[in-house]
Amino acid sequence: MEVNKIPVAFSDHRGAISDIVTKENIGAVTIITTRKGAVRGNHYHKETWQYLYVLSGKLRAVAQNPGEAPTEAILLPGDLILDVPNQRHAFEGLEDSTCLVLTRGVREGDDYEKDTFRLDIPLIKPA
């Protein structure tokens, strides 16, 4: 799992601009809140790509590509990760957190569950 720190692209007396994702065809933009101690994910998508950008809080992220060992990272505000097709992923709220999720694929809108495959053995066990 690669965690990217998003830099400020432009700043002046009015504030700052950061480009989170560029040159990408995004089909849906979603805000997800996660309470401290809650677990999300524990699934994968066969066709969908998902960028997750942390707006506030702190999350533990675990991802696993097919045939590889799981990797883990602590995500803080300003961190961006990309979940690619067939990558198992799960998140645990270490603090109340808010994330922006940018999706490309069949998981957007009314098709939310059409490309979601739950794991028999979770990457993060729910509390």
N, C-alpha and C. Protein backbone atom coordinates (compact mmCIF):
# COMPACT_ATOMS: atom_id res chain seq x y z
N MET A 1 0.85 -1.16 0.00
CA MET A 1 0.00 0.00 0.00
C MET A 1 0.89 1.23 0.00
N GLU A 2 0.65 2.12 -0.91
CA GLU A 2 1.41 3.35 -1.00
C GLU A 2 0.57 4.49 -0.43
N VAL A 3 1.13 5.22 0.53
CA VAL A 3 0.47 6.38 1.11
C VAL A 3 1.16 7.62 0.56
N ASN A 4 0.38 8.49 -0.06
CA ASN A 4 0.91 9.72 -0.63
C ASN A 4 0.50 10.91 0.23
N LYS A 5 1.45 11.77 0.54
CA LYS A 5 1.18 13.03 1.21
C LYS A 5 0.90 14.06 0.11
N ILE A 6 -0.27 14.63 0.10
CA ILE A 6 -0.65 15.56 -0.95
C ILE A 6 -0.09 16.95 -0.63
N PRO A 7 0.76 17.48 -1.51
CA PRO A 7 1.36 18.79 -1.25
C PRO A 7 0.41 19.92 -1.63
N VAL A 8 0.71 21.08 -1.13
CA VAL A 8 -0.01 22.29 -1.54
C VAL A 8 0.50 22.68 -2.93
N ALA A 9 -0.42 22.83 -3.89
CA ALA A 9 -0.05 23.19 -5.25
C ALA A 9 0.09 24.70 -5.42
N PHE A 10 -0.70 25.45 -4.64
CA PHE A 10 -0.66 26.91 -4.73
C PHE A 10 -1.10 27.48 -3.40
N SER A 11 -0.45 28.54 -2.97
CA SER A 11 -0.81 29.19 -1.73
C SER A 11 -0.56 30.68 -1.82
N ASP A 12 -1.48 31.47 -1.29
CA ASP A 12 -1.27 32.91 -1.17
C ASP A 12 -2.07 33.39 0.04
N HIS A 13 -2.26 34.70 0.17
CA HIS A 13 -2.92 35.26 1.34
C HIS A 13 -4.36 34.78 1.52
N ARG A 14 -4.98 34.24 0.47
CA ARG A 14 -6.37 33.77 0.55
C ARG A 14 -6.47 32.36 1.10
N GLY A 15 -5.39 31.57 1.00
CA GLY A 15 -5.41 30.18 1.44
C GLY A 15 -4.60 29.31 0.51
N ALA A 16 -4.95 28.02 0.46
CA ALA A 16 -4.15 27.06 -0.31
C ALA A 16 -5.04 26.19 -1.20
N ILE A 17 -4.43 25.67 -2.26
CA ILE A 17 -5.07 24.72 -3.17
C ILE A 17 -4.19 23.48 -3.24
N SER A 18 -4.82 22.31 -3.04
CA SER A 18 -4.12 21.03 -3.18
C SER A 18 -4.87 20.19 -4.20
N ASP A 19 -4.15 19.67 -5.18
CA ASP A 19 -4.74 18.78 -6.18
C ASP A 19 -4.67 17.36 -5.64
N ILE A 20 -5.82 16.79 -5.28
CA ILE A 20 -5.84 15.47 -4.67
C ILE A 20 -5.64 14.38 -5.72
N VAL A 21 -6.43 14.41 -6.79
CA VAL A 21 -6.33 13.45 -7.89
C VAL A 21 -6.41 14.23 -9.19
N THR A 22 -5.49 13.96 -10.12
CA THR A 22 -5.49 14.65 -11.41
C THR A 22 -5.51 13.64 -12.55
N LYS A 23 -6.02 14.09 -13.68
CA LYS A 23 -6.03 13.29 -14.91
C LYS A 23 -6.66 11.91 -14.70
N GLU A 24 -7.80 11.89 -14.04
CA GLU A 24 -8.49 10.64 -13.72
C GLU A 24 -9.98 10.81 -14.00
N ASN A 25 -10.60 9.79 -14.53
CA ASN A 25 -12.03 9.79 -14.79
C ASN A 25 -12.74 9.29 -13.54
N ILE A 26 -13.33 10.19 -12.77
CA ILE A 26 -13.98 9.84 -11.51
C ILE A 26 -15.49 9.78 -11.74
N GLY A 27 -16.11 8.68 -11.31
CA GLY A 27 -17.54 8.51 -11.49
C GLY A 27 -18.35 8.89 -10.27
N ALA A 28 -17.73 8.90 -9.10
CA ALA A 28 -18.45 9.24 -7.87
C ALA A 28 -17.48 9.80 -6.85
N VAL A 29 -17.97 10.77 -6.08
CA VAL A 29 -17.22 11.34 -4.97
C VAL A 29 -18.10 11.18 -3.74
N THR A 30 -17.55 10.55 -2.70
CA THR A 30 -18.32 10.18 -1.52
C THR A 30 -17.59 10.63 -0.27
N ILE A 31 -18.34 11.09 0.72
CA ILE A 31 -17.77 11.38 2.04
C ILE A 31 -18.18 10.25 2.97
N ILE A 32 -17.19 9.68 3.65
CA ILE A 32 -17.45 8.60 4.60
C ILE A 32 -16.94 9.03 5.97
N THR A 33 -17.80 8.92 6.97
CA THR A 33 -17.37 9.16 8.35
C THR A 33 -17.23 7.80 9.03
N THR A 34 -16.25 7.71 9.90
CA THR A 34 -15.99 6.47 10.64
C THR A 34 -15.76 6.84 12.10
N ARG A 35 -16.50 6.21 12.97
CA ARG A 35 -16.35 6.45 14.40
C ARG A 35 -15.13 5.70 14.94
N LYS A 36 -14.55 6.23 16.00
CA LYS A 36 -13.43 5.56 16.65
C LYS A 36 -13.83 4.14 17.02
N GLY A 37 -12.99 3.16 16.65
CA GLY A 37 -13.23 1.76 16.95
C GLY A 37 -14.02 1.02 15.89
N ALA A 38 -14.66 1.75 14.97
CA ALA A 38 -15.44 1.10 13.91
C ALA A 38 -14.52 0.54 12.83
N VAL A 39 -14.95 -0.54 12.20
CA VAL A 39 -14.20 -1.17 11.12
C VAL A 39 -15.04 -1.10 9.85
N ARG A 40 -14.41 -0.68 8.76
CA ARG A 40 -15.05 -0.62 7.45
C ARG A 40 -14.26 -1.47 6.47
N GLY A 41 -14.92 -1.86 5.40
CA GLY A 41 -14.24 -2.59 4.35
C GLY A 41 -14.31 -4.08 4.58
N ASN A 42 -13.13 -4.70 4.68
CA ASN A 42 -13.03 -6.16 4.72
C ASN A 42 -13.70 -6.75 3.48
N HIS A 43 -13.34 -6.17 2.34
CA HIS A 43 -13.86 -6.61 1.05
C HIS A 43 -12.88 -6.23 -0.05
N TYR A 44 -13.24 -6.56 -1.27
CA TYR A 44 -12.46 -6.14 -2.44
C TYR A 44 -13.43 -5.90 -3.58
N HIS A 45 -12.92 -5.31 -4.65
CA HIS A 45 -13.70 -5.02 -5.85
C HIS A 45 -12.97 -5.61 -7.04
N LYS A 46 -13.70 -6.23 -7.95
CA LYS A 46 -13.08 -6.84 -9.13
C LYS A 46 -12.77 -5.81 -10.21
N GLU A 47 -13.54 -4.72 -10.28
CA GLU A 47 -13.37 -3.74 -11.36
C GLU A 47 -13.13 -2.31 -10.89
N THR A 48 -13.44 -2.03 -9.65
CA THR A 48 -13.46 -0.65 -9.16
C THR A 48 -12.12 -0.20 -8.59
N TRP A 49 -11.77 1.05 -8.90
CA TRP A 49 -10.62 1.75 -8.34
C TRP A 49 -11.16 2.77 -7.35
N GLN A 50 -10.55 2.89 -6.17
CA GLN A 50 -11.00 3.85 -5.17
C GLN A 50 -9.82 4.60 -4.57
N TYR A 51 -9.88 5.92 -4.68
CA TYR A 51 -8.95 6.78 -3.95
C TYR A 51 -9.60 7.13 -2.63
N LEU A 52 -8.85 7.05 -1.54
CA LEU A 52 -9.33 7.46 -0.23
C LEU A 52 -8.41 8.56 0.27
N TYR A 53 -9.01 9.72 0.55
CA TYR A 53 -8.27 10.89 1.03
C TYR A 53 -8.80 11.25 2.41
N VAL A 54 -7.92 11.29 3.40
CA VAL A 54 -8.32 11.57 4.77
C VAL A 54 -8.45 13.08 4.98
N LEU A 55 -9.65 13.49 5.37
CA LEU A 55 -9.91 14.90 5.67
C LEU A 55 -9.65 15.21 7.14
N SER A 56 -10.05 14.29 8.03
CA SER A 56 -9.83 14.50 9.46
C SER A 56 -9.77 13.16 10.17
N GLY A 57 -9.15 13.15 11.33
CA GLY A 57 -9.08 11.95 12.14
C GLY A 57 -7.85 11.11 11.87
N LYS A 58 -7.96 9.83 12.20
CA LYS A 58 -6.84 8.90 12.09
C LYS A 58 -7.41 7.50 11.85
N LEU A 59 -6.89 6.84 10.82
CA LEU A 59 -7.35 5.50 10.43
C LEU A 59 -6.19 4.53 10.35
N ARG A 60 -6.46 3.29 10.68
CA ARG A 60 -5.54 2.19 10.38
C ARG A 60 -6.07 1.54 9.11
N ALA A 61 -5.21 1.43 8.10
CA ALA A 61 -5.58 0.82 6.83
C ALA A 61 -4.77 -0.45 6.64
N VAL A 62 -5.45 -1.51 6.20
CA VAL A 62 -4.78 -2.77 5.87
C VAL A 62 -5.21 -3.13 4.45
N ALA A 63 -4.24 -3.47 3.60
CA ALA A 63 -4.52 -3.86 2.22
C ALA A 63 -3.73 -5.12 1.90
N GLN A 64 -4.29 -5.90 0.98
CA GLN A 64 -3.61 -7.15 0.58
C GLN A 64 -3.88 -7.41 -0.89
N ASN A 65 -2.82 -7.42 -1.67
CA ASN A 65 -2.92 -7.81 -3.08
C ASN A 65 -2.92 -9.33 -3.17
N PRO A 66 -3.53 -9.90 -4.21
CA PRO A 66 -3.56 -11.36 -4.36
C PRO A 66 -2.15 -11.96 -4.31
N GLY A 67 -1.98 -13.02 -3.52
CA GLY A 67 -0.71 -13.72 -3.43
C GLY A 67 0.36 -13.03 -2.61
N GLU A 68 0.02 -11.92 -1.96
CA GLU A 68 0.99 -11.17 -1.15
C GLU A 68 0.54 -11.09 0.30
N ALA A 69 1.46 -10.75 1.17
CA ALA A 69 1.14 -10.53 2.58
C ALA A 69 0.43 -9.18 2.74
N PRO A 70 -0.42 -9.05 3.74
CA PRO A 70 -1.07 -7.76 3.98
C PRO A 70 -0.04 -6.68 4.36
N THR A 71 -0.34 -5.44 3.98
CA THR A 71 0.44 -4.28 4.40
C THR A 71 -0.47 -3.38 5.22
N GLU A 72 0.14 -2.57 6.08
CA GLU A 72 -0.62 -1.75 7.00
C GLU A 72 -0.03 -0.35 7.04
N ALA A 73 -0.91 0.64 7.23
CA ALA A 73 -0.45 2.02 7.37
C ALA A 73 -1.41 2.78 8.27
N ILE A 74 -0.89 3.78 8.94
CA ILE A 74 -1.71 4.71 9.71
C ILE A 74 -1.92 5.94 8.82
N LEU A 75 -3.18 6.29 8.60
CA LEU A 75 -3.52 7.41 7.73
C LEU A 75 -3.96 8.61 8.55
N LEU A 76 -3.42 9.76 8.18
CA LEU A 76 -3.70 11.03 8.85
C LEU A 76 -4.26 12.02 7.84
N PRO A 77 -4.80 13.15 8.30
CA PRO A 77 -5.32 14.14 7.35
C PRO A 77 -4.28 14.52 6.29
N GLY A 78 -4.73 14.55 5.03
CA GLY A 78 -3.85 14.85 3.91
C GLY A 78 -3.25 13.63 3.25
N ASP A 79 -3.48 12.44 3.81
CA ASP A 79 -2.96 11.20 3.21
C ASP A 79 -3.94 10.69 2.15
N LEU A 80 -3.37 10.14 1.07
CA LEU A 80 -4.15 9.58 -0.03
C LEU A 80 -3.64 8.17 -0.33
N ILE A 81 -4.57 7.22 -0.43
CA ILE A 81 -4.21 5.87 -0.88
C ILE A 81 -5.12 5.50 -2.05
N LEU A 82 -4.69 4.52 -2.82
CA LEU A 82 -5.47 4.00 -3.94
C LEU A 82 -5.67 2.51 -3.75
N ASP A 83 -6.95 2.09 -3.70
CA ASP A 83 -7.29 0.67 -3.68
C ASP A 83 -7.59 0.27 -5.11
N VAL A 84 -6.83 -0.67 -5.64
CA VAL A 84 -6.96 -1.11 -7.04
C VAL A 84 -7.82 -2.37 -7.10
N PRO A 85 -8.31 -2.74 -8.29
CA PRO A 85 -9.12 -3.95 -8.40
C PRO A 85 -8.41 -5.18 -7.81
N ASN A 86 -9.20 -6.00 -7.14
CA ASN A 86 -8.79 -7.25 -6.50
C ASN A 86 -7.91 -7.07 -5.27
N GLN A 87 -7.70 -5.85 -4.84
CA GLN A 87 -6.94 -5.60 -3.62
C GLN A 87 -7.91 -5.62 -2.44
N ARG A 88 -7.68 -6.52 -1.51
CA ARG A 88 -8.49 -6.56 -0.29
C ARG A 88 -8.14 -5.36 0.56
N HIS A 89 -9.14 -4.77 1.20
CA HIS A 89 -8.85 -3.60 2.02
C HIS A 89 -9.84 -3.49 3.18
N ALA A 90 -9.33 -2.88 4.28
CA ALA A 90 -10.13 -2.65 5.47
C ALA A 90 -9.57 -1.44 6.21
N PHE A 91 -10.43 -0.78 6.98
CA PHE A 91 -10.05 0.41 7.72
C PHE A 91 -10.64 0.35 9.12
N GLU A 92 -9.86 0.84 10.09
CA GLU A 92 -10.32 0.94 11.47
C GLU A 92 -10.16 2.38 11.92
N GLY A 93 -11.21 2.93 12.51
CA GLY A 93 -11.14 4.29 13.03
C GLY A 93 -10.34 4.32 14.32
N LEU A 94 -9.18 4.94 14.29
CA LEU A 94 -8.40 5.14 15.52
C LEU A 94 -8.87 6.40 16.24
N GLU A 95 -9.52 7.28 15.50
CA GLU A 95 -10.22 8.46 15.99
C GLU A 95 -11.46 8.60 15.12
N ASP A 96 -12.43 9.40 15.54
CA ASP A 96 -13.51 9.74 14.63
C ASP A 96 -12.87 10.36 13.40
N SER A 97 -13.25 9.89 12.22
CA SER A 97 -12.56 10.29 10.98
C SER A 97 -13.55 10.60 9.87
N THR A 98 -13.10 11.45 8.96
CA THR A 98 -13.87 11.77 7.76
C THR A 98 -12.94 11.63 6.56
N CYS A 99 -13.42 10.90 5.54
CA CYS A 99 -12.64 10.66 4.32
C CYS A 99 -13.45 11.03 3.10
N LEU A 100 -12.73 11.42 2.08
CA LEU A 100 -13.30 11.65 0.77
C LEU A 100 -12.89 10.46 -0.09
N VAL A 101 -13.86 9.80 -0.72
CA VAL A 101 -13.58 8.64 -1.55
C VAL A 101 -13.96 8.98 -2.99
N LEU A 102 -12.98 8.85 -3.89
CA LEU A 102 -13.20 9.13 -5.32
C LEU A 102 -13.15 7.79 -6.04
N THR A 103 -14.22 7.44 -6.73
CA THR A 103 -14.39 6.10 -7.28
C THR A 103 -14.46 6.12 -8.80
N ARG A 104 -13.79 5.15 -9.39
CA ARG A 104 -13.90 4.88 -10.82
C ARG A 104 -14.28 3.42 -10.97
N GLY A 105 -15.45 3.17 -11.54
CA GLY A 105 -15.88 1.79 -11.73
C GLY A 105 -17.34 1.59 -11.42
N VAL A 106 -17.73 0.34 -11.36
CA VAL A 106 -19.14 0.00 -11.22
C VAL A 106 -19.66 0.12 -9.79
N ARG A 107 -18.89 0.63 -8.88
CA ARG A 107 -19.31 0.74 -7.48
C ARG A 107 -19.96 2.09 -7.17
N GLU A 108 -20.10 2.94 -8.14
CA GLU A 108 -20.61 4.28 -7.89
C GLU A 108 -22.14 4.31 -7.89
N GLY A 109 -22.71 5.27 -7.15
CA GLY A 109 -24.14 5.51 -7.15
C GLY A 109 -24.97 4.30 -6.76
N ASP A 110 -26.00 4.00 -7.56
CA ASP A 110 -26.90 2.88 -7.28
C ASP A 110 -26.22 1.52 -7.40
N ASP A 111 -25.06 1.47 -8.03
CA ASP A 111 -24.33 0.22 -8.22
C ASP A 111 -23.37 -0.08 -7.07
N TYR A 112 -23.55 0.58 -5.93
CA TYR A 112 -22.62 0.51 -4.80
C TYR A 112 -22.20 -0.91 -4.45
N GLU A 113 -23.14 -1.84 -4.39
CA GLU A 113 -22.82 -3.20 -3.95
C GLU A 113 -22.53 -4.17 -5.09
N LYS A 114 -22.69 -3.77 -6.34
CA LYS A 114 -22.53 -4.70 -7.47
C LYS A 114 -21.11 -5.21 -7.64
N ASP A 115 -20.11 -4.46 -7.16
CA ASP A 115 -18.71 -4.87 -7.31
C ASP A 115 -18.03 -4.96 -5.94
N THR A 116 -18.78 -5.38 -4.94
CA THR A 116 -18.24 -5.53 -3.58
C THR A 116 -18.30 -7.00 -3.19
N PHE A 117 -17.15 -7.56 -2.83
CA PHE A 117 -17.04 -8.97 -2.48
C PHE A 117 -16.47 -9.06 -1.07
N ARG A 118 -17.29 -9.51 -0.13
CA ARG A 118 -16.90 -9.59 1.29
C ARG A 118 -15.88 -10.70 1.51
N LEU A 119 -14.98 -10.45 2.46
CA LEU A 119 -13.94 -11.43 2.80
C LEU A 119 -14.48 -12.44 3.82
N ASP A 120 -14.17 -13.71 3.62
CA ASP A 120 -14.52 -14.74 4.60
C ASP A 120 -13.69 -14.57 5.87
N ILE A 121 -12.43 -14.21 5.70
CA ILE A 121 -11.54 -13.96 6.84
C ILE A 121 -11.16 -12.47 6.79
N PRO A 122 -11.63 -11.68 7.75
CA PRO A 122 -11.40 -10.23 7.69
C PRO A 122 -9.93 -9.86 7.86
N LEU A 123 -9.54 -8.77 7.22
CA LEU A 123 -8.20 -8.21 7.43
C LEU A 123 -8.12 -7.54 8.80
N ILE A 124 -9.22 -6.92 9.21
CA ILE A 124 -9.33 -6.31 10.55
C ILE A 124 -10.60 -6.89 11.16
N LYS A 125 -10.47 -7.50 12.31
CA LYS A 125 -11.65 -8.08 12.98
C LYS A 125 -12.46 -6.95 13.64
N PRO A 126 -13.76 -6.92 13.36
CA PRO A 126 -14.61 -5.92 14.02
C PRO A 126 -14.60 -6.12 15.54
N ALA A 127 -14.71 -5.02 16.26
CA ALA A 127 -14.70 -5.08 17.73
C ALA A 127 -15.92 -5.75 18.27
